[in-house]
Amino acid sequence: MTWRLIQNHLISIVAVQNASDASPVLSFTPTACPDLAQARELHPGLTKLWDAVRHDFWTTLIPPRPSRA
């Protein structure tokens, strides 16, 4: 999965690859990458993937706080 952060904290979906062999599943032109909400609408069968992208985005944007020992 390739995504990038665009203006106003939107997630732009660039490409989706098969995890087992890296073959392309979805790809978009650089000028027509959907944001995450649009990708969900275009490909609702990939809900678990979109949820993982959202989780990855928030983990990247706001990393977990280190635990205190």
PDB file of N, CA and C in Angstrom:
ATOM      1  N   MET A   1       0.846  -1.173   0.000  1.00  0.00           N
ATOM      2  CA  MET A   1       0.000   0.000   0.000  1.00  0.00           C
ATOM      3  C   MET A   1       0.884   1.225   0.000  1.00  0.00           C
ATOM      4  N   THR A   2       0.571   2.133  -0.863  1.00  0.00           N
ATOM      5  CA  THR A   2       1.271   3.413  -0.888  1.00  0.00           C
ATOM      6  C   THR A   2       0.234   4.506  -0.696  1.00  0.00           C
ATOM      7  N   TRP A   3       0.448   5.331   0.316  1.00  0.00           N
ATOM      8  CA  TRP A   3      -0.424   6.474   0.534  1.00  0.00           C
ATOM      9  C   TRP A   3       0.459   7.663   0.855  1.00  0.00           C
ATOM     10  N   ARG A   4      -0.097   8.841   0.729  1.00  0.00           N
ATOM     11  CA  ARG A   4       0.644  10.048   1.071  1.00  0.00           C
ATOM     12  C   ARG A   4      -0.297  11.048   1.721  1.00  0.00           C
ATOM     13  N   LEU A   5       0.272  11.900   2.524  1.00  0.00           N
ATOM     14  CA  LEU A   5      -0.483  12.942   3.199  1.00  0.00           C
ATOM     15  C   LEU A   5      -0.576  14.139   2.264  1.00  0.00           C
ATOM     16  N   ILE A   6      -1.794  14.617   2.060  1.00  0.00           N
ATOM     17  CA  ILE A   6      -1.979  15.820   1.249  1.00  0.00           C
ATOM     18  C   ILE A   6      -2.597  16.893   2.128  1.00  0.00           C
ATOM     19  N   GLN A   7      -2.918  18.002   1.588  1.00  0.00           N
ATOM     20  CA  GLN A   7      -3.424  19.145   2.351  1.00  0.00           C
ATOM     21  C   GLN A   7      -4.585  18.785   3.268  1.00  0.00           C
ATOM     22  N   ASN A   8      -4.679  19.517   4.357  1.00  0.00           N
ATOM     23  CA  ASN A   8      -5.767  19.365   5.331  1.00  0.00           C
ATOM     24  C   ASN A   8      -5.865  17.964   5.916  1.00  0.00           C
ATOM     25  N   HIS A   9      -4.733  17.308   6.082  1.00  0.00           N
ATOM     26  CA  HIS A   9      -4.667  15.976   6.682  1.00  0.00           C
ATOM     27  C   HIS A   9      -5.499  14.932   5.943  1.00  0.00           C
ATOM     28  N   LEU A  10      -5.547  15.030   4.624  1.00  0.00           N
ATOM     29  CA  LEU A  10      -6.225  14.018   3.816  1.00  0.00           C
ATOM     30  C   LEU A  10      -5.213  12.957   3.409  1.00  0.00           C
ATOM     31  N   ILE A  11      -5.678  11.728   3.330  1.00  0.00           N
ATOM     32  CA  ILE A  11      -4.836  10.626   2.910  1.00  0.00           C
ATOM     33  C   ILE A  11      -5.128  10.356   1.442  1.00  0.00           C
ATOM     34  N   SER A  12      -4.122  10.455   0.610  1.00  0.00           N
ATOM     35  CA  SER A  12      -4.257  10.184  -0.811  1.00  0.00           C
ATOM     36  C   SER A  12      -3.767   8.766  -1.082  1.00  0.00           C
ATOM     37  N   ILE A  13      -4.607   7.938  -1.681  1.00  0.00           N
ATOM     38  CA  ILE A  13      -4.248   6.557  -1.995  1.00  0.00           C
ATOM     39  C   ILE A  13      -3.572   6.541  -3.361  1.00  0.00           C
ATOM     40  N   VAL A  14      -2.340   6.061  -3.399  1.00  0.00           N
ATOM     41  CA  VAL A  14      -1.570   6.043  -4.632  1.00  0.00           C
ATOM     42  C   VAL A  14      -1.651   4.674  -5.297  1.00  0.00           C
ATOM     43  N   ALA A  15      -1.421   3.617  -4.515  1.00  0.00           N
ATOM     44  CA  ALA A  15      -1.424   2.263  -5.076  1.00  0.00           C
ATOM     45  C   ALA A  15      -1.658   1.240  -3.980  1.00  0.00           C
ATOM     46  N   VAL A  16      -2.180   0.086  -4.378  1.00  0.00           N
ATOM     47  CA  VAL A  16      -2.376  -1.050  -3.479  1.00  0.00           C
ATOM     48  C   VAL A  16      -1.745  -2.260  -4.157  1.00  0.00           C
ATOM     49  N   GLN A  17      -0.859  -2.941  -3.428  1.00  0.00           N
ATOM     50  CA  GLN A  17      -0.209  -4.135  -3.956  1.00  0.00           C
ATOM     51  C   GLN A  17      -0.613  -5.346  -3.130  1.00  0.00           C
ATOM     52  N   ASN A  18      -0.581  -6.511  -3.758  1.00  0.00           N
ATOM     53  CA  ASN A  18      -0.820  -7.772  -3.074  1.00  0.00           C
ATOM     54  C   ASN A  18       0.342  -8.015  -2.126  1.00  0.00           C
ATOM     55  N   ALA A  19       0.058  -8.292  -0.858  1.00  0.00           N
ATOM     56  CA  ALA A  19       1.111  -8.474   0.147  1.00  0.00           C
ATOM     57  C   ALA A  19       1.965  -9.708  -0.118  1.00  0.00           C
ATOM     58  N   SER A  20       1.402 -10.720  -0.749  1.00  0.00           N
ATOM     59  CA  SER A  20       2.155 -11.962  -0.935  1.00  0.00           C
ATOM     60  C   SER A  20       3.171 -11.898  -2.077  1.00  0.00           C
ATOM     61  N   ASP A  21       2.872 -11.129  -3.138  1.00  0.00           N
ATOM     62  CA  ASP A  21       3.809 -11.106  -4.261  1.00  0.00           C
ATOM     63  C   ASP A  21       4.039  -9.710  -4.847  1.00  0.00           C
ATOM     64  N   ALA A  22       3.512  -8.688  -4.199  1.00  0.00           N
ATOM     65  CA  ALA A  22       3.670  -7.291  -4.616  1.00  0.00           C
ATOM     66  C   ALA A  22       3.049  -6.974  -5.977  1.00  0.00           C
ATOM     67  N   SER A  23       2.175  -7.851  -6.468  1.00  0.00           N
ATOM     68  CA  SER A  23       1.499  -7.549  -7.727  1.00  0.00           C
ATOM     69  C   SER A  23       0.472  -6.433  -7.491  1.00  0.00           C
ATOM     70  N   PRO A  24       0.248  -5.575  -8.486  1.00  0.00           N
ATOM     71  CA  PRO A  24      -0.686  -4.462  -8.309  1.00  0.00           C
ATOM     72  C   PRO A  24      -2.134  -4.938  -8.175  1.00  0.00           C
ATOM     73  N   VAL A  25      -2.840  -4.347  -7.239  1.00  0.00           N
ATOM     74  CA  VAL A  25      -4.268  -4.595  -7.056  1.00  0.00           C
ATOM     75  C   VAL A  25      -5.036  -3.374  -7.565  1.00  0.00           C
ATOM     76  N   LEU A  26      -4.597  -2.194  -7.147  1.00  0.00           N
ATOM     77  CA  LEU A  26      -5.169  -0.923  -7.593  1.00  0.00           C
ATOM     78  C   LEU A  26      -4.037   0.066  -7.781  1.00  0.00           C
ATOM     79  N   SER A  27      -4.167   0.943  -8.740  1.00  0.00           N
ATOM     80  CA  SER A  27      -3.230   2.055  -8.863  1.00  0.00           C
ATOM     81  C   SER A  27      -3.967   3.226  -9.489  1.00  0.00           C
ATOM     82  N   PHE A  28      -3.501   4.393  -9.163  1.00  0.00           N
ATOM     83  CA  PHE A  28      -4.148   5.610  -9.641  1.00  0.00           C
ATOM     84  C   PHE A  28      -3.088   6.517 -10.242  1.00  0.00           C
ATOM     85  N   THR A  29      -3.476   7.364 -11.165  1.00  0.00           N
ATOM     86  CA  THR A  29      -2.527   8.306 -11.746  1.00  0.00           C
ATOM     87  C   THR A  29      -2.179   9.356 -10.691  1.00  0.00           C
ATOM     88  N   PRO A  30      -0.994   9.917 -10.761  1.00  0.00           N
ATOM     89  CA  PRO A  30      -0.579  10.902  -9.750  1.00  0.00           C
ATOM     90  C   PRO A  30      -1.525  12.093  -9.624  1.00  0.00           C
ATOM     91  N   THR A  31      -2.216  12.432 -10.683  1.00  0.00           N
ATOM     92  CA  THR A  31      -3.131  13.573 -10.631  1.00  0.00           C
ATOM     93  C   THR A  31      -4.553  13.185 -10.244  1.00  0.00           C
ATOM     94  N   ALA A  32      -4.831  11.889 -10.126  1.00  0.00           N
ATOM     95  CA  ALA A  32      -6.196  11.445  -9.833  1.00  0.00           C
ATOM     96  C   ALA A  32      -6.252  10.453  -8.673  1.00  0.00           C
ATOM     97  N   CYS A  33      -5.394  10.635  -7.685  1.00  0.00           N
ATOM     98  CA  CYS A  33      -5.403   9.744  -6.521  1.00  0.00           C
ATOM     99  C   CYS A  33      -6.583  10.104  -5.621  1.00  0.00           C
ATOM    100  N   PRO A  34      -7.429   9.133  -5.297  1.00  0.00           N
ATOM    101  CA  PRO A  34      -8.553   9.437  -4.409  1.00  0.00           C
ATOM    102  C   PRO A  34      -8.075   9.594  -2.968  1.00  0.00           C
ATOM    103  N   ASP A  35      -8.825  10.365  -2.180  1.00  0.00           N
ATOM    104  CA  ASP A  35      -8.519  10.378  -0.760  1.00  0.00           C
ATOM    105  C   ASP A  35      -9.123   9.114  -0.148  1.00  0.00           C
ATOM    106  N   LEU A  36      -8.879   8.891   1.127  1.00  0.00           N
ATOM    107  CA  LEU A  36      -9.311   7.641   1.755  1.00  0.00           C
ATOM    108  C   LEU A  36     -10.825   7.461   1.692  1.00  0.00           C
ATOM    109  N   ALA A  37     -11.574   8.518   1.925  1.00  0.00           N
ATOM    110  CA  ALA A  37     -13.042   8.413   1.865  1.00  0.00           C
ATOM    111  C   ALA A  37     -13.512   8.025   0.463  1.00  0.00           C
ATOM    112  N   GLN A  38     -12.912   8.620  -0.550  1.00  0.00           N
ATOM    113  CA  GLN A  38     -13.276   8.282  -1.931  1.00  0.00           C
ATOM    114  C   GLN A  38     -12.890   6.839  -2.253  1.00  0.00           C
ATOM    115  N   ALA A  39     -11.722   6.400  -1.787  1.00  0.00           N
ATOM    116  CA  ALA A  39     -11.280   5.021  -2.026  1.00  0.00           C
ATOM    117  C   ALA A  39     -12.258   4.032  -1.404  1.00  0.00           C
ATOM    118  N   ARG A  40     -12.754   4.359  -0.197  1.00  0.00           N
ATOM    119  CA  ARG A  40     -13.757   3.494   0.456  1.00  0.00           C
ATOM    120  C   ARG A  40     -15.008   3.386  -0.402  1.00  0.00           C
ATOM    121  N   GLU A  41     -15.431   4.516  -0.971  1.00  0.00           N
ATOM    122  CA  GLU A  41     -16.634   4.511  -1.813  1.00  0.00           C
ATOM    123  C   GLU A  41     -16.401   3.740  -3.115  1.00  0.00           C
ATOM    124  N   LEU A  42     -15.232   3.926  -3.719  1.00  0.00           N
ATOM    125  CA  LEU A  42     -14.922   3.266  -4.987  1.00  0.00           C
ATOM    126  C   LEU A  42     -14.715   1.762  -4.837  1.00  0.00           C
ATOM    127  N   HIS A  43     -14.155   1.332  -3.686  1.00  0.00           N
ATOM    128  CA  HIS A  43     -13.808  -0.074  -3.470  1.00  0.00           C
ATOM    129  C   HIS A  43     -14.233  -0.504  -2.064  1.00  0.00           C
ATOM    130  N   PRO A  44     -15.557  -0.618  -1.836  1.00  0.00           N
ATOM    131  CA  PRO A  44     -16.052  -0.943  -0.490  1.00  0.00           C
ATOM    132  C   PRO A  44     -15.663  -2.347  -0.023  1.00  0.00           C
ATOM    133  N   GLY A  45     -15.264  -3.217  -0.914  1.00  0.00           N
ATOM    134  CA  GLY A  45     -14.863  -4.562  -0.527  1.00  0.00           C
ATOM    135  C   GLY A  45     -13.518  -4.611   0.173  1.00  0.00           C
ATOM    136  N   LEU A  46     -12.822  -3.485   0.213  1.00  0.00           N
ATOM    137  CA  LEU A  46     -11.499  -3.435   0.845  1.00  0.00           C
ATOM    138  C   LEU A  46     -11.541  -2.726   2.204  1.00  0.00           C
ATOM    139  N   THR A  47     -12.636  -2.874   2.930  1.00  0.00           N
ATOM    140  CA  THR A  47     -12.832  -2.171   4.199  1.00  0.00           C
ATOM    141  C   THR A  47     -11.689  -2.401   5.181  1.00  0.00           C
ATOM    142  N   LYS A  48     -11.251  -3.655   5.339  1.00  0.00           N
ATOM    143  CA  LYS A  48     -10.157  -3.926   6.290  1.00  0.00           C
ATOM    144  C   LYS A  48      -8.875  -3.199   5.883  1.00  0.00           C
ATOM    145  N   LEU A  49      -8.622  -3.128   4.595  1.00  0.00           N
ATOM    146  CA  LEU A  49      -7.444  -2.418   4.106  1.00  0.00           C
ATOM    147  C   LEU A  49      -7.551  -0.931   4.414  1.00  0.00           C
ATOM    148  N   TRP A  50      -8.702  -0.325   4.135  1.00  0.00           N
ATOM    149  CA  TRP A  50      -8.872   1.106   4.398  1.00  0.00           C
ATOM    150  C   TRP A  50      -8.763   1.389   5.895  1.00  0.00           C
ATOM    151  N   ASP A  51      -9.270   0.484   6.730  1.00  0.00           N
ATOM    152  CA  ASP A  51      -9.119   0.646   8.173  1.00  0.00           C
ATOM    153  C   ASP A  51      -7.647   0.611   8.576  1.00  0.00           C
ATOM    154  N   ALA A  52      -6.873  -0.274   7.944  1.00  0.00           N
ATOM    155  CA  ALA A  52      -5.437  -0.370   8.240  1.00  0.00           C
ATOM    156  C   ALA A  52      -4.704   0.898   7.794  1.00  0.00           C
ATOM    157  N   VAL A  53      -5.099   1.459   6.664  1.00  0.00           N
ATOM    158  CA  VAL A  53      -4.489   2.708   6.197  1.00  0.00           C
ATOM    159  C   VAL A  53      -4.783   3.827   7.188  1.00  0.00           C
ATOM    160  N   ARG A  54      -6.026   3.916   7.627  1.00  0.00           N
ATOM    161  CA  ARG A  54      -6.390   4.947   8.604  1.00  0.00           C
ATOM    162  C   ARG A  54      -5.565   4.789   9.883  1.00  0.00           C
ATOM    163  N   HIS A  55      -5.417   3.553  10.362  1.00  0.00           N
ATOM    164  CA  HIS A  55      -4.618   3.302  11.563  1.00  0.00           C
ATOM    165  C   HIS A  55      -3.156   3.699  11.333  1.00  0.00           C
ATOM    166  N   ASP A  56      -2.606   3.326  10.189  1.00  0.00           N
ATOM    167  CA  ASP A  56      -1.220   3.668   9.870  1.00  0.00           C
ATOM    168  C   ASP A  56      -1.041   5.179   9.807  1.00  0.00           C
ATOM    169  N   PHE A  57      -1.999   5.862   9.225  1.00  0.00           N
ATOM    170  CA  PHE A  57      -1.952   7.324   9.134  1.00  0.00           C
ATOM    171  C   PHE A  57      -1.878   7.952  10.518  1.00  0.00           C
ATOM    172  N   TRP A  58      -2.797   7.564  11.414  1.00  0.00           N
ATOM    173  CA  TRP A  58      -2.826   8.172  12.737  1.00  0.00           C
ATOM    174  C   TRP A  58      -1.601   7.791  13.569  1.00  0.00           C
ATOM    175  N   THR A  59      -1.091   6.584  13.373  1.00  0.00           N
ATOM    176  CA  THR A  59       0.114   6.176  14.084  1.00  0.00           C
ATOM    177  C   THR A  59       1.319   6.978  13.587  1.00  0.00           C
ATOM    178  N   THR A  60       1.343   7.291  12.305  1.00  0.00           N
ATOM    179  CA  THR A  60       2.420   8.099  11.736  1.00  0.00           C
ATOM    180  C   THR A  60       2.294   9.550  12.177  1.00  0.00           C
ATOM    181  N   LEU A  61       1.078  10.074  12.143  1.00  0.00           N
ATOM    182  CA  LEU A  61       0.844  11.473  12.494  1.00  0.00           C
ATOM    183  C   LEU A  61       1.060  11.725  13.984  1.00  0.00           C
ATOM    184  N   ILE A  62       0.547  10.835  14.812  1.00  0.00           N
ATOM    185  CA  ILE A  62       0.661  10.971  16.266  1.00  0.00           C
ATOM    186  C   ILE A  62       1.186   9.651  16.817  1.00  0.00           C
ATOM    187  N   PRO A  63       2.508   9.505  16.893  1.00  0.00           N
ATOM    188  CA  PRO A  63       3.078   8.240  17.377  1.00  0.00           C
ATOM    189  C   PRO A  63       2.636   7.946  18.808  1.00  0.00           C
ATOM    190  N   PRO A  64       2.525   6.667  19.167  1.00  0.00           N
ATOM    191  CA  PRO A  64       2.146   6.314  20.539  1.00  0.00           C
ATOM    192  C   PRO A  64       3.182   6.851  21.533  1.00  0.00           C
ATOM    193  N   ARG A  65       2.703   7.229  22.683  1.00  0.00           N
ATOM    194  CA  ARG A  65       3.605   7.701  23.729  1.00  0.00           C
ATOM    195  C   ARG A  65       4.370   6.514  24.304  1.00  0.00           C
ATOM    196  N   PRO A  66       5.658   6.716  24.587  1.00  0.00           N
ATOM    197  CA  PRO A  66       6.422   5.622  25.179  1.00  0.00           C
ATOM    198  C   PRO A  66       5.856   5.268  26.554  1.00  0.00           C
ATOM    199  N   SER A  67       5.833   3.992  26.859  1.00  0.00           N
ATOM    200  CA  SER A  67       5.306   3.567  28.162  1.00  0.00           C
ATOM    201  C   SER A  67       6.342   3.872  29.236  1.00  0.00           C
ATOM    202  N   ARG A  68       5.848   4.179  30.398  1.00  0.00           N
ATOM    203  CA  ARG A  68       6.741   4.469  31.536  1.00  0.00           C
ATOM    204  C   ARG A  68       6.959   3.182  32.308  1.00  0.00           C
ATOM    205  N   ALA A  69       8.192   2.932  32.624  1.00  0.00           N
ATOM    206  CA  ALA A  69       8.506   1.700  33.373  1.00  0.00           C
ATOM    207  C   ALA A  69       8.759   1.987  34.821  1.00  0.00           C
TER     208      ALA A  69
END
